[in-house]
PDB file of N, CA and C in Angstrom:
ATOM      1  N   MET A   1     -18.360   1.454  44.274  1.00  0.00           N
ATOM      2  CA  MET A   1     -17.414   2.118  43.156  1.00  0.00           C
ATOM      3  C   MET A   1     -15.668   2.519  43.892  1.00  0.00           C
ATOM      4  N   PRO A   2     -15.031   2.115  42.984  1.00  0.00           N
ATOM      5  CA  PRO A   2     -14.046   2.578  43.658  1.00  0.00           C
ATOM      6  C   PRO A   2     -13.365   3.653  43.858  1.00  0.00           C
ATOM      7  N   THR A   3     -12.414   4.295  45.232  1.00  0.00           N
ATOM      8  CA  THR A   3     -12.060   5.615  45.263  1.00  0.00           C
ATOM      9  C   THR A   3     -10.845   5.731  44.056  1.00  0.00           C
ATOM     10  N   ILE A   4     -10.680   6.847  43.551  1.00  0.00           N
ATOM     11  CA  ILE A   4      -9.818   6.955  42.833  1.00  0.00           C
ATOM     12  C   ILE A   4      -8.846   8.339  43.249  1.00  0.00           C
ATOM     13  N   ALA A   5      -9.220   9.292  43.936  1.00  0.00           N
ATOM     14  CA  ALA A   5      -8.678  10.239  44.615  1.00  0.00           C
ATOM     15  C   ALA A   5      -9.276  10.451  46.350  1.00  0.00           C
ATOM     16  N   MET A   6      -8.611  11.329  46.757  1.00  0.00           N
ATOM     17  CA  MET A   6      -9.366  12.058  48.621  1.00  0.00           C
ATOM     18  C   MET A   6      -8.275  13.560  48.546  1.00  0.00           C
ATOM     19  N   PHE A   7      -8.800  14.338  48.458  1.00  0.00           N
ATOM     20  CA  PHE A   7      -8.553  15.482  48.614  1.00  0.00           C
ATOM     21  C   PHE A   7      -9.166  16.618  49.716  1.00  0.00           C
ATOM     22  N   ASN A   8      -9.056  17.499  50.544  1.00  0.00           N
ATOM     23  CA  ASN A   8      -9.735  18.352  51.233  1.00  0.00           C
ATOM     24  C   ASN A   8     -11.072  17.669  51.689  1.00  0.00           C
ATOM     25  N   GLY A   9     -11.142  16.786  52.465  1.00  0.00           N
ATOM     26  CA  GLY A   9     -11.906  16.073  52.895  1.00  0.00           C
ATOM     27  C   GLY A   9     -13.089  15.486  52.254  1.00  0.00           C
ATOM     28  N   ILE A  10     -13.161  15.686  50.584  1.00  0.00           N
ATOM     29  CA  ILE A  10     -13.105  15.001  49.368  1.00  0.00           C
ATOM     30  C   ILE A  10     -13.254  13.929  48.948  1.00  0.00           C
ATOM     31  N   VAL A  11     -14.003  12.822  48.794  1.00  0.00           N
ATOM     32  CA  VAL A  11     -13.734  11.235  48.607  1.00  0.00           C
ATOM     33  C   VAL A  11     -14.149  11.587  47.000  1.00  0.00           C
ATOM     34  N   ILE A  12     -13.440  11.059  45.969  1.00  0.00           N
ATOM     35  CA  ILE A  12     -14.034  10.973  44.502  1.00  0.00           C
ATOM     36  C   ILE A  12     -13.858   9.404  44.268  1.00  0.00           C
ATOM     37  N   TYR A  13     -15.030   9.078  43.781  1.00  0.00           N
ATOM     38  CA  TYR A  13     -15.309   7.503  43.103  1.00  0.00           C
ATOM     39  C   TYR A  13     -15.262   7.467  41.736  1.00  0.00           C
ATOM     40  N   MET A  14     -15.244   6.811  41.052  1.00  0.00           N
ATOM     41  CA  MET A  14     -15.500   6.433  39.519  1.00  0.00           C
ATOM     42  C   MET A  14     -16.340   4.638  39.030  1.00  0.00           C
ATOM     43  N   TYR A  15     -17.630   4.879  38.647  1.00  0.00           N
ATOM     44  CA  TYR A  15     -17.897   4.190  38.358  1.00  0.00           C
ATOM     45  C   TYR A  15     -18.105   4.342  36.657  1.00  0.00           C
ATOM     46  N   TRP A  16     -17.497   3.664  35.604  1.00  0.00           N
ATOM     47  CA  TRP A  16     -17.924   4.343  34.249  1.00  0.00           C
ATOM     48  C   TRP A  16     -19.436   3.438  33.783  1.00  0.00           C
ATOM     49  N   ALA A  17     -19.776   2.487  34.383  1.00  0.00           N
ATOM     50  CA  ALA A  17     -21.323   1.829  33.509  1.00  0.00           C
ATOM     51  C   ALA A  17     -22.712   2.667  33.805  1.00  0.00           C
ATOM     52  N   ASP A  18     -22.286   3.465  34.718  1.00  0.00           N
ATOM     53  CA  ASP A  18     -23.624   4.028  35.094  1.00  0.00           C
ATOM     54  C   ASP A  18     -23.582   5.859  34.370  1.00  0.00           C
ATOM     55  N   HIS A  19     -24.754   6.156  34.090  1.00  0.00           N
ATOM     56  CA  HIS A  19     -25.231   7.761  33.653  1.00  0.00           C
ATOM     57  C   HIS A  19     -24.721   8.166  32.097  1.00  0.00           C
ATOM     58  N   GLY A  20     -23.993   7.125  31.231  1.00  0.00           N
ATOM     59  CA  GLY A  20     -23.360   6.813  30.157  1.00  0.00           C
ATOM     60  C   GLY A  20     -22.439   8.145  29.807  1.00  0.00           C
ATOM     61  N   VAL A  21     -22.083   9.321  30.299  1.00  0.00           N
ATOM     62  CA  VAL A  21     -20.996  10.043  29.895  1.00  0.00           C
ATOM     63  C   VAL A  21     -19.952   9.911  31.069  1.00  0.00           C
ATOM     64  N   PRO A  22     -18.855  10.357  30.719  1.00  0.00           N
ATOM     65  CA  PRO A  22     -17.463  10.228  31.412  1.00  0.00           C
ATOM     66  C   PRO A  22     -17.913  11.383  32.328  1.00  0.00           C
ATOM     67  N   HIS A  23     -18.029  10.684  33.806  1.00  0.00           N
ATOM     68  CA  HIS A  23     -18.232  11.656  35.244  1.00  0.00           C
ATOM     69  C   HIS A  23     -17.762  10.919  35.969  1.00  0.00           C
ATOM     70  N   LEU A  24     -17.688  11.443  37.485  1.00  0.00           N
ATOM     71  CA  LEU A  24     -17.055  10.976  39.073  1.00  0.00           C
ATOM     72  C   LEU A  24     -18.131  11.149  39.625  1.00  0.00           C
ATOM     73  N   HIS A  25     -18.035  10.631  41.004  1.00  0.00           N
ATOM     74  CA  HIS A  25     -18.526  10.944  41.982  1.00  0.00           C
ATOM     75  C   HIS A  25     -18.072  11.598  43.006  1.00  0.00           C
ATOM     76  N   ALA A  26     -18.784  12.703  43.872  1.00  0.00           N
ATOM     77  CA  ALA A  26     -17.630  13.127  45.023  1.00  0.00           C
ATOM     78  C   ALA A  26     -18.574  13.383  45.984  1.00  0.00           C
ATOM     79  N   ILE A  27     -18.099  13.099  47.136  1.00  0.00           N
ATOM     80  CA  ILE A  27     -18.666  12.775  48.456  1.00  0.00           C
ATOM     81  C   ILE A  27     -17.618  13.313  49.445  1.00  0.00           C
ATOM     82  N   ARG A  28     -18.430  14.584  50.082  1.00  0.00           N
ATOM     83  CA  ARG A  28     -17.934  15.279  51.577  1.00  0.00           C
ATOM     84  C   ARG A  28     -19.072  15.546  52.298  1.00  0.00           C
ATOM     85  N   GLY A  29     -18.565  14.132  53.406  1.00  0.00           N
ATOM     86  CA  GLY A  29     -19.643  14.223  54.428  1.00  0.00           C
ATOM     87  C   GLY A  29     -20.988  14.186  54.101  1.00  0.00           C
ATOM     88  N   ASP A  30     -22.004  14.930  53.908  1.00  0.00           N
ATOM     89  CA  ASP A  30     -23.101  14.342  53.848  1.00  0.00           C
ATOM     90  C   ASP A  30     -23.376  15.250  52.697  1.00  0.00           C
ATOM     91  N   GLU A  31     -22.693  15.437  51.832  1.00  0.00           N
ATOM     92  CA  GLU A  31     -22.645  16.062  50.415  1.00  0.00           C
ATOM     93  C   GLU A  31     -22.521  15.087  49.275  1.00  0.00           C
ATOM     94  N   GLU A  32     -23.330  15.011  48.177  1.00  0.00           N
ATOM     95  CA  GLU A  32     -22.529  13.672  47.379  1.00  0.00           C
ATOM     96  C   GLU A  32     -23.254  14.508  46.165  1.00  0.00           C
ATOM     97  N   ALA A  33     -22.604  14.467  44.745  1.00  0.00           N
ATOM     98  CA  ALA A  33     -22.567  14.927  43.484  1.00  0.00           C
ATOM     99  C   ALA A  33     -21.991  14.220  42.587  1.00  0.00           C
ATOM    100  N   VAL A  34     -22.704  14.526  41.512  1.00  0.00           N
ATOM    101  CA  VAL A  34     -21.823  13.464  40.165  1.00  0.00           C
ATOM    102  C   VAL A  34     -21.481  14.510  39.363  1.00  0.00           C
ATOM    103  N   PHE A  35     -20.166  14.884  38.729  1.00  0.00           N
ATOM    104  CA  PHE A  35     -19.766  15.674  37.529  1.00  0.00           C
ATOM    105  C   PHE A  35     -19.476  15.286  36.634  1.00  0.00           C
ATOM    106  N   ALA A  36     -19.396  15.920  35.426  1.00  0.00           N
ATOM    107  CA  ALA A  36     -19.193  15.472  34.213  1.00  0.00           C
ATOM    108  C   ALA A  36     -17.645  15.919  34.223  1.00  0.00           C
ATOM    109  N   ILE A  37     -17.054  14.728  33.420  1.00  0.00           N
ATOM    110  CA  ILE A  37     -15.254  15.159  33.288  1.00  0.00           C
ATOM    111  C   ILE A  37     -15.378  15.938  32.411  1.00  0.00           C
ATOM    112  N   LEU A  38     -15.505  15.989  31.302  1.00  0.00           N
ATOM    113  CA  LEU A  38     -15.562  16.524  29.815  1.00  0.00           C
ATOM    114  C   LEU A  38     -15.877  17.850  30.290  1.00  0.00           C
ATOM    115  N   THR A  39     -16.826  18.496  30.968  1.00  0.00           N
ATOM    116  CA  THR A  39     -17.238  20.033  31.143  1.00  0.00           C
ATOM    117  C   THR A  39     -16.914  20.520  32.465  1.00  0.00           C
ATOM    118  N   GLY A  40     -17.031  19.485  33.761  1.00  0.00           N
ATOM    119  CA  GLY A  40     -16.819  20.039  34.805  1.00  0.00           C
ATOM    120  C   GLY A  40     -18.365  20.352  35.682  1.00  0.00           C
ATOM    121  N   ASP A  41     -19.218  20.271  34.700  1.00  0.00           N
ATOM    122  CA  ASP A  41     -20.794  20.528  35.072  1.00  0.00           C
ATOM    123  C   ASP A  41     -21.058  19.560  36.170  1.00  0.00           C
ATOM    124  N   LEU A  42     -21.837  19.955  37.071  1.00  0.00           N
ATOM    125  CA  LEU A  42     -22.601  19.385  38.301  1.00  0.00           C
ATOM    126  C   LEU A  42     -23.846  18.514  37.518  1.00  0.00           C
ATOM    127  N   MET A  43     -23.586  17.220  37.395  1.00  0.00           N
ATOM    128  CA  MET A  43     -24.759  16.573  36.792  1.00  0.00           C
ATOM    129  C   MET A  43     -26.028  16.454  37.687  1.00  0.00           C
ATOM    130  N   GLU A  44     -25.635  15.712  38.725  1.00  0.00           N
ATOM    131  CA  GLU A  44     -26.809  15.775  40.021  1.00  0.00           C
ATOM    132  C   GLU A  44     -26.146  15.394  41.210  1.00  0.00           C
ATOM    133  N   GLY A  45     -27.215  15.928  42.199  1.00  0.00           N
ATOM    134  CA  GLY A  45     -26.566  16.249  43.466  1.00  0.00           C
ATOM    135  C   GLY A  45     -26.687  17.001  44.088  1.00  0.00           C
ATOM    136  N   GLU A  46     -26.275  17.547  45.213  1.00  0.00           N
ATOM    137  CA  GLU A  46     -25.858  19.160  45.859  1.00  0.00           C
ATOM    138  C   GLU A  46     -24.718  18.988  46.840  1.00  0.00           C
ATOM    139  N   VAL A  47     -24.096  20.250  46.222  1.00  0.00           N
ATOM    140  CA  VAL A  47     -22.825  19.995  47.349  1.00  0.00           C
ATOM    141  C   VAL A  47     -22.981  21.947  47.873  1.00  0.00           C
ATOM    142  N   SER A  48     -21.719  21.899  48.557  1.00  0.00           N
ATOM    143  CA  SER A  48     -21.477  23.448  48.893  1.00  0.00           C
ATOM    144  C   SER A  48     -20.628  24.157  47.576  1.00  0.00           C
ATOM    145  N   ARG A  49     -20.914  25.636  47.320  1.00  0.00           N
ATOM    146  CA  ARG A  49     -20.242  25.947  46.415  1.00  0.00           C
ATOM    147  C   ARG A  49     -18.620  25.959  46.378  1.00  0.00           C
ATOM    148  N   ARG A  50     -18.218  25.198  47.781  1.00  0.00           N
ATOM    149  CA  ARG A  50     -16.886  25.467  47.964  1.00  0.00           C
ATOM    150  C   ARG A  50     -16.337  23.922  47.511  1.00  0.00           C
ATOM    151  N   THR A  51     -17.182  22.902  47.810  1.00  0.00           N
ATOM    152  CA  THR A  51     -16.808  21.779  47.418  1.00  0.00           C
ATOM    153  C   THR A  51     -16.964  21.574  45.647  1.00  0.00           C
ATOM    154  N   ARG A  52     -17.891  22.311  45.258  1.00  0.00           N
ATOM    155  CA  ARG A  52     -18.338  22.405  43.976  1.00  0.00           C
ATOM    156  C   ARG A  52     -17.025  22.928  43.278  1.00  0.00           C
ATOM    157  N   ARG A  53     -16.220  24.309  43.946  1.00  0.00           N
ATOM    158  CA  ARG A  53     -15.588  24.688  43.326  1.00  0.00           C
ATOM    159  C   ARG A  53     -14.131  24.246  43.706  1.00  0.00           C
ATOM    160  N   LEU A  54     -13.942  23.206  44.572  1.00  0.00           N
ATOM    161  CA  LEU A  54     -12.512  22.594  44.510  1.00  0.00           C
ATOM    162  C   LEU A  54     -12.833  21.398  43.814  1.00  0.00           C
ATOM    163  N   VAL A  55     -13.950  20.854  43.474  1.00  0.00           N
ATOM    164  CA  VAL A  55     -13.969  19.594  42.589  1.00  0.00           C
ATOM    165  C   VAL A  55     -13.586  20.031  41.275  1.00  0.00           C
ATOM    166  N   THR A  56     -14.459  21.356  40.719  1.00  0.00           N
ATOM    167  CA  THR A  56     -14.680  21.718  39.394  1.00  0.00           C
ATOM    168  C   THR A  56     -13.034  22.070  39.294  1.00  0.00           C
ATOM    169  N   THR A  57     -12.252  22.698  40.118  1.00  0.00           N
ATOM    170  CA  THR A  57     -10.732  23.070  39.975  1.00  0.00           C
ATOM    171  C   THR A  57      -9.963  21.886  39.255  1.00  0.00           C
ATOM    172  N   TRP A  58     -10.281  20.731  40.512  1.00  0.00           N
ATOM    173  CA  TRP A  58      -9.346  19.623  40.626  1.00  0.00           C
ATOM    174  C   TRP A  58      -9.738  19.094  39.142  1.00  0.00           C
ATOM    175  N   ILE A  59     -10.819  18.603  38.820  1.00  0.00           N
ATOM    176  CA  ILE A  59     -11.388  18.158  37.134  1.00  0.00           C
ATOM    177  C   ILE A  59     -10.606  18.434  36.264  1.00  0.00           C
ATOM    178  N   GLU A  60     -11.102  20.253  36.217  1.00  0.00           N
ATOM    179  CA  GLU A  60      -9.787  21.042  34.805  1.00  0.00           C
ATOM    180  C   GLU A  60      -8.194  20.499  34.982  1.00  0.00           C
ATOM    181  N   LEU A  61      -7.902  20.358  35.977  1.00  0.00           N
ATOM    182  CA  LEU A  61      -6.636  20.201  36.356  1.00  0.00           C
ATOM    183  C   LEU A  61      -6.090  19.016  35.911  1.00  0.00           C
ATOM    184  N   ARG A  62      -6.678  17.850  36.235  1.00  0.00           N
ATOM    185  CA  ARG A  62      -6.652  16.303  35.953  1.00  0.00           C
ATOM    186  C   ARG A  62      -7.413  15.789  35.001  1.00  0.00           C
ATOM    187  N   ARG A  63      -8.008  16.533  34.070  1.00  0.00           N
ATOM    188  CA  ARG A  63      -8.847  16.061  33.363  1.00  0.00           C
ATOM    189  C   ARG A  63      -8.773  14.769  32.489  1.00  0.00           C
ATOM    190  N   PRO A  64      -6.772  14.903  31.828  1.00  0.00           N
ATOM    191  CA  PRO A  64      -6.389  14.026  31.250  1.00  0.00           C
ATOM    192  C   PRO A  64      -6.600  12.514  31.717  1.00  0.00           C
ATOM    193  N   ALA A  65      -6.053  12.521  33.161  1.00  0.00           N
ATOM    194  CA  ALA A  65      -5.930  11.506  33.552  1.00  0.00           C
ATOM    195  C   ALA A  65      -7.275  10.904  34.183  1.00  0.00           C
ATOM    196  N   LEU A  66      -8.521  11.780  34.574  1.00  0.00           N
ATOM    197  CA  LEU A  66      -9.663  11.164  34.405  1.00  0.00           C
ATOM    198  C   LEU A  66     -10.272  10.890  33.265  1.00  0.00           C
ATOM    199  N   LEU A  67      -9.896  11.064  32.099  1.00  0.00           N
ATOM    200  CA  LEU A  67     -10.427  10.412  30.973  1.00  0.00           C
ATOM    201  C   LEU A  67      -9.703   9.080  30.798  1.00  0.00           C
ATOM    202  N   GLU A  68      -8.425   8.982  31.130  1.00  0.00           N
ATOM    203  CA  GLU A  68      -7.813   7.811  31.072  1.00  0.00           C
ATOM    204  C   GLU A  68      -8.548   7.144  31.665  1.00  0.00           C
ATOM    205  N   ASN A  69      -8.654   7.141  32.843  1.00  0.00           N
ATOM    206  CA  ASN A  69      -9.236   6.035  33.938  1.00  0.00           C
ATOM    207  C   ASN A  69     -10.807   5.698  33.299  1.00  0.00           C
ATOM    208  N   TRP A  70     -11.461   6.656  32.749  1.00  0.00           N
ATOM    209  CA  TRP A  70     -12.295   6.243  32.203  1.00  0.00           C
ATOM    210  C   TRP A  70     -12.632   5.236  31.272  1.00  0.00           C
ATOM    211  N   ARG A  71     -11.274   5.820  30.155  1.00  0.00           N
ATOM    212  CA  ARG A  71     -11.329   4.529  29.130  1.00  0.00           C
ATOM    213  C   ARG A  71     -10.462   3.110  29.838  1.00  0.00           C
ATOM    214  N   ARG A  72      -9.724   3.276  30.811  1.00  0.00           N
ATOM    215  CA  ARG A  72      -9.807   1.873  31.382  1.00  0.00           C
ATOM    216  C   ARG A  72     -11.120   1.054  31.994  1.00  0.00           C
ATOM    217  N   GLY A  73     -11.692   1.895  32.652  1.00  0.00           N
ATOM    218  CA  GLY A  73     -12.602   1.624  32.989  1.00  0.00           C
ATOM    219  C   GLY A  73     -13.838   0.473  32.215  1.00  0.00           C
ATOM    220  N   GLN A  74     -13.608   1.101  30.627  1.00  0.00           N
ATOM    221  CA  GLN A  74     -14.672   0.966  29.736  1.00  0.00           C
ATOM    222  C   GLN A  74     -13.819  -0.426  28.853  1.00  0.00           C
ATOM    223  N   ASN A  75     -12.888  -0.665  29.421  1.00  0.00           N
ATOM    224  CA  ASN A  75     -12.177  -1.587  28.930  1.00  0.00           C
ATOM    225  C   ASN A  75     -12.167  -2.851  29.844  1.00  0.00           C
ATOM    226  N   GLY A  76     -12.078  -2.817  31.099  1.00  0.00           N
ATOM    227  CA  GLY A  76     -12.400  -3.407  32.147  1.00  0.00           C
ATOM    228  C   GLY A  76     -11.113  -3.638  32.880  1.00  0.00           C
ATOM    229  N   VAL A  77     -10.195  -2.653  32.370  1.00  0.00           N
ATOM    230  CA  VAL A  77      -8.812  -2.317  33.075  1.00  0.00           C
ATOM    231  C   VAL A  77      -8.926  -1.579  35.094  1.00  0.00           C
ATOM    232  N   PRO A  78      -8.775  -1.975  36.093  1.00  0.00           N
ATOM    233  CA  PRO A  78      -9.149  -1.191  37.280  1.00  0.00           C
ATOM    234  C   PRO A  78      -8.166   0.087  37.273  1.00  0.00           C
ATOM    235  N   PHE A  79      -8.890   0.835  37.643  1.00  0.00           N
ATOM    236  CA  PHE A  79      -8.583   2.523  37.722  1.00  0.00           C
ATOM    237  C   PHE A  79      -7.208   2.710  38.100  1.00  0.00           C
ATOM    238  N   GLU A  80      -6.877   3.901  38.096  1.00  0.00           N
ATOM    239  CA  GLU A  80      -5.639   4.509  38.748  1.00  0.00           C
ATOM    240  C   GLU A  80      -5.744   5.499  39.854  1.00  0.00           C
ATOM    241  N   LYS A  81      -5.204   5.811  40.939  1.00  0.00           N
ATOM    242  CA  LYS A  81      -5.407   6.776  41.930  1.00  0.00           C
ATOM    243  C   LYS A  81      -4.888   7.897  40.905  1.00  0.00           C
ATOM    244  N   VAL A  82      -5.838   9.213  41.171  1.00  0.00           N
ATOM    245  CA  VAL A  82      -5.448  10.387  40.518  1.00  0.00           C
ATOM    246  C   VAL A  82      -4.826  11.575  41.591  1.00  0.00           C
ATOM    247  N   PRO A  83      -3.753  12.306  41.300  1.00  0.00           N
ATOM    248  CA  PRO A  83      -3.430  13.173  42.611  1.00  0.00           C
ATOM    249  C   PRO A  83      -3.946  14.051  43.016  1.00  0.00           C
ATOM    250  N   GLY A  84      -4.491  14.829  43.944  1.00  0.00           N
ATOM    251  CA  GLY A  84      -5.138  15.564  44.535  1.00  0.00           C
ATOM    252  C   GLY A  84      -4.475  16.897  43.845  1.00  0.00           C
ATOM    253  N   PRO A  85      -5.336  18.004  43.928  1.00  0.00           N
ATOM    254  CA  PRO A  85      -4.891  19.479  43.192  1.00  0.00           C
ATOM    255  C   PRO A  85      -3.271  19.959  43.663  1.00  0.00           C
ATOM    256  N   GLU A  86      -3.069  19.648  45.233  1.00  0.00           N
ATOM    257  CA  GLU A  86      -1.482  19.802  45.102  1.00  0.00           C
ATOM    258  C   GLU A  86      -0.453  19.056  45.123  1.00  0.00           C
ATOM    259  N   ASP A  87      -0.938  17.984  44.540  1.00  0.00           N
ATOM    260  CA  ASP A  87      -0.090  16.906  44.484  1.00  0.00           C
ATOM    261  C   ASP A  87       0.540  16.957  43.324  1.00  0.00           C
ATOM    262  N   ASP A  88       1.604  16.703  43.381  1.00  0.00           N
ATOM    263  CA  ASP A  88       2.414  16.541  41.877  1.00  0.00           C
ATOM    264  C   ASP A  88       1.673  15.101  40.617  1.00  0.00           C
ATOM    265  N   ALA A  89       1.712  15.833  39.403  1.00  0.00           N
ATOM    266  CA  ALA A  89       0.622  14.362  38.557  1.00  0.00           C
ATOM    267  C   ALA A  89       2.055  13.381  38.049  1.00  0.00           C
TER     268      ALA A  89
END
């Protein structure tokens, strides 16, 4: 899965062909979870409350870029990097 972002020790991956709905994978140490892009909901996996809060806040902030990456993947176009929560968009 291509890495699209890294922040606060969290690595964000996207692979558009699994799960059917726009989503991303977040990994931090031994924690791994899948989050829905449209809602920020945890779809599967387990992460600490802090990691969940960081990822869901970032999804809210970067939702347009994340959805654009999802569309890119569906069209066979490489993903673009998405800035972290502290970076300029």
